[in-house]
Amino acid sequence: MARQLLPVFVHQYLLLSAGEAEHVGSLGEESWVQSEKISVHIPEGECGGVTSTAATLLTKVECMKREQEQECMGVEHEEHMQKEQEHMRKEQERLRAEISKELEKKMSSVIEKKMSDMSKRLFSQFGGSKR
């Protein structure tokens, strides 16, 4: 992951979370803390204190991170649901084809039996008597 710079007041340490804050190097009126997670500009004198600002920023960053994770999970869930729907659609098609074949067989069997019965009846009525 690319390293990004996080500005803070000169000679102050910004504790992002346990072990994340690294050395502070002075750059004029501001200084920078290297972090792998966020990049935020805090101009000198605009904030009441680094600690409260850091806590606010950390909260915002965590919230943004959670939103991104939820968005990713939403996309993954949507993809999973699409795959599941596709699987169900294919299964329905397979079942329809199977049912159609079974119905065709049964109809054919019923028609054959009816034809046979009709033939027997006709034969007994007309074919069985000799003139």
Foldseek 3Di string as FASTA:
>chain_A
DDKEKAKDAPPDWQDLDPPFWDDWDDDPGIIITIGRQDYDDDDPPPDPDRHVVSVVVSVVSVVVVVVVVVVVVVVVVVVVVVVVVVVVVVVVVVVVVVVVVVVVVVVVVVVVVVVVVVVVVCCVVPVPDDD
